[in-house]
C-alpha atoms as a PDB file:
ATOM      1  CA  UNK A   1     -25.250 -15.428  33.556  1.00  0.00           C
ATOM      2  CA  UNK A   2     -23.976 -18.800  33.956  1.00  0.00           C
ATOM      3  CA  UNK A   3     -20.130 -19.601  34.324  1.00  0.00           C
ATOM      4  CA  UNK A   4     -19.985 -20.886  30.617  1.00  0.00           C
ATOM      5  CA  UNK A   5     -21.771 -17.653  28.919  1.00  0.00           C
ATOM      6  CA  UNK A   6     -19.033 -15.513  31.091  1.00  0.00           C
ATOM      7  CA  UNK A   7     -16.291 -17.542  30.002  1.00  0.00           C
ATOM      8  CA  UNK A   8     -17.307 -17.724  26.324  1.00  0.00           C
ATOM      9  CA  UNK A   9     -18.144 -13.596  26.322  1.00  0.00           C
ATOM     10  CA  UNK A  10     -14.366 -13.356  28.058  1.00  0.00           C
ATOM     11  CA  UNK A  11     -12.934 -15.300  25.365  1.00  0.00           C
ATOM     12  CA  UNK A  12     -15.036 -13.831  22.369  1.00  0.00           C
ATOM     13  CA  UNK A  13     -13.642 -10.172  23.431  1.00  0.00           C
ATOM     14  CA  UNK A  14     -10.177 -11.574  23.809  1.00  0.00           C
ATOM     15  CA  UNK A  15      -9.971 -12.951  20.335  1.00  0.00           C
ATOM     16  CA  UNK A  16     -11.442  -9.793  18.748  1.00  0.00           C
ATOM     17  CA  UNK A  17      -8.691  -7.669  20.773  1.00  0.00           C
ATOM     18  CA  UNK A  18      -5.911  -9.989  19.310  1.00  0.00           C
ATOM     19  CA  UNK A  19      -7.226 -10.050  15.938  1.00  0.00           C
ATOM     20  CA  UNK A  20      -7.526  -6.234  15.830  1.00  0.00           C
ATOM     21  CA  UNK A  21      -4.153  -5.963  17.331  1.00  0.00           C
ATOM     22  CA  UNK A  22      -2.631  -8.457  14.385  1.00  0.00           C
ATOM     23  CA  UNK A  23      -4.313  -6.403  11.621  1.00  0.00           C
ATOM     24  CA  UNK A  24      -3.316  -3.286  13.147  1.00  0.00           C
ATOM     25  CA  UNK A  25       0.534  -4.590  12.820  1.00  0.00           C
ATOM     26  CA  UNK A  26       0.030  -6.658   9.661  1.00  0.00           C
ATOM     27  CA  UNK A  27      -1.936  -3.664   7.822  1.00  0.00           C
ATOM     28  CA  UNK A  28      -1.934  -0.564   9.732  1.00  0.00           C
ATOM     29  CA  UNK A  29      -5.840  -0.490   9.909  1.00  0.00           C
ATOM     30  CA  UNK A  30      -5.783   1.278  13.188  1.00  0.00           C
ATOM     31  CA  UNK A  31      -8.766  -0.959  14.291  1.00  0.00           C
ATOM     32  CA  UNK A  32      -7.768  -0.380  18.146  1.00  0.00           C
ATOM     33  CA  UNK A  33      -8.098   3.118  17.550  1.00  0.00           C
ATOM     34  CA  UNK A  34     -11.467   2.973  15.893  1.00  0.00           C
ATOM     35  CA  UNK A  35     -12.578   0.793  18.738  1.00  0.00           C
ATOM     36  CA  UNK A  36     -11.571   3.322  21.398  1.00  0.00           C
ATOM     37  CA  UNK A  37     -13.118   6.266  19.351  1.00  0.00           C
ATOM     38  CA  UNK A  38      -9.404   7.669  18.580  1.00  0.00           C
ATOM     39  CA  UNK A  39     -10.173   7.819  14.686  1.00  0.00           C
ATOM     40  CA  UNK A  40     -13.003   7.924  12.415  1.00  0.00           C
ATOM     41  CA  UNK A  41     -12.030   5.478   9.838  1.00  0.00           C
ATOM     42  CA  UNK A  42      -9.759   2.886  10.613  1.00  0.00           C
ATOM     43  CA  UNK A  43      -8.733   2.202   6.754  1.00  0.00           C
ATOM     44  CA  UNK A  44      -7.511   5.519   6.182  1.00  0.00           C
ATOM     45  CA  UNK A  45      -3.607   5.647   6.717  1.00  0.00           C
ATOM     46  CA  UNK A  46      -2.340   7.778   9.412  1.00  0.00           C
ATOM     47  CA  UNK A  47      -0.057  10.830   9.279  1.00  0.00           C
ATOM     48  CA  UNK A  48       2.775   8.706  10.972  1.00  0.00           C
ATOM     49  CA  UNK A  49       2.551   5.766   7.890  1.00  0.00           C
ATOM     50  CA  UNK A  50       2.392   8.611   5.252  1.00  0.00           C
ATOM     51  CA  UNK A  51       5.532  10.312   7.055  1.00  0.00           C
ATOM     52  CA  UNK A  52       7.331   6.798   7.186  1.00  0.00           C
ATOM     53  CA  UNK A  53       6.860   6.424   3.424  1.00  0.00           C
ATOM     54  CA  UNK A  54       8.132   9.610   2.427  1.00  0.00           C
ATOM     55  CA  UNK A  55      11.109   8.987   4.607  1.00  0.00           C
ATOM     56  CA  UNK A  56      11.526   5.676   2.775  1.00  0.00           C
ATOM     57  CA  UNK A  57      11.255   7.070  -0.620  1.00  0.00           C
ATOM     58  CA  UNK A  58      13.778   9.793   0.132  1.00  0.00           C
ATOM     59  CA  UNK A  59      16.289   7.190   1.637  1.00  0.00           C
ATOM     60  CA  UNK A  60      15.851   5.579  -1.800  1.00  0.00           C
ATOM     61  CA  UNK A  61      16.846   8.834  -3.819  1.00  0.00           C
ATOM     62  CA  UNK A  62      19.614   9.626  -1.463  1.00  0.00           C
ATOM     63  CA  UNK A  63      21.029   6.319  -1.847  1.00  0.00           C
ATOM     64  CA  UNK A  64      20.451   6.126  -5.818  1.00  0.00           C
ATOM     65  CA  UNK A  65      22.336   9.658  -5.459  1.00  0.00           C
ATOM     66  CA  UNK A  66      25.266   8.501  -3.601  1.00  0.00           C
ATOM     67  CA  UNK A  67      25.947   5.927  -5.988  1.00  0.00           C
ATOM     68  CA  UNK A  68      25.809   8.182  -8.703  1.00  0.00           C
ATOM     69  CA  UNK A  69      28.324  10.458  -7.309  1.00  0.00           C
ATOM     70  CA  UNK A  70      30.452   7.517  -6.553  1.00  0.00           C
ATOM     71  CA  UNK A  71      30.419   6.507  -9.916  1.00  0.00           C
ATOM     72  CA  UNK A  72      31.503  10.121 -11.044  1.00  0.00           C
ATOM     73  CA  UNK A  73      34.256  10.383  -8.458  1.00  0.00           C
ATOM     74  CA  UNK A  74      35.618   6.912  -9.937  1.00  0.00           C
ATOM     75  CA  UNK A  75      35.399   8.075 -13.451  1.00  0.00           C
ATOM     76  CA  UNK A  76      36.980  11.550 -12.807  1.00  0.00           C
ATOM     77  CA  UNK A  77      39.720  10.061 -10.440  1.00  0.00           C
ATOM     78  CA  UNK A  78      40.850   7.680 -13.470  1.00  0.00           C
ATOM     79  CA  UNK A  79      44.351   8.595 -14.732  1.00  0.00           C
ATOM     80  CA  UNK A  80      43.043   8.401 -18.560  1.00  0.00           C
ATOM     81  CA  UNK A  81      40.251  11.079 -17.801  1.00  0.00           C
ATOM     82  CA  UNK A  82      43.371  13.298 -16.472  1.00  0.00           C
ATOM     83  CA  UNK A  83      45.200  12.568 -19.735  1.00  0.00           C
ATOM     84  CA  UNK A  84      42.317  13.184 -21.804  1.00  0.00           C
ATOM     85  CA  UNK A  85      42.003  16.627 -19.787  1.00  0.00           C
ATOM     86  CA  UNK A  86      45.363  17.525 -20.671  1.00  0.00           C
ATOM     87  CA  UNK A  87      45.273  16.650 -24.318  1.00  0.00           C
ATOM     88  CA  UNK A  88      42.077  18.860 -24.624  1.00  0.00           C
ATOM     89  CA  UNK A  89      43.918  21.668 -22.852  1.00  0.00           C
ATOM     90  CA  UNK A  90      46.636  21.446 -25.675  1.00  0.00           C
ATOM     91  CA  UNK A  91      44.344  22.050 -28.410  1.00  0.00           C
END
């Protein structure tokens, strides 16, 4: 092989590896795992990705529940609410 052929071959392999790494980072396609034989289908989301999505979903639910609890606490601690409770107790 000539020097130019070797240089082009190394350059082509480098471009493919960098492209696969970029696509892995951007879209979680797992192309590097597929090329090394670790996974059978690079386009199926990994369990780690699925777990991360579940964690994000739970975090959103927790944030919404915390907001609702804060709103309820604000309503219950208002002086008008206490007065309404006392009036209802007199009936």
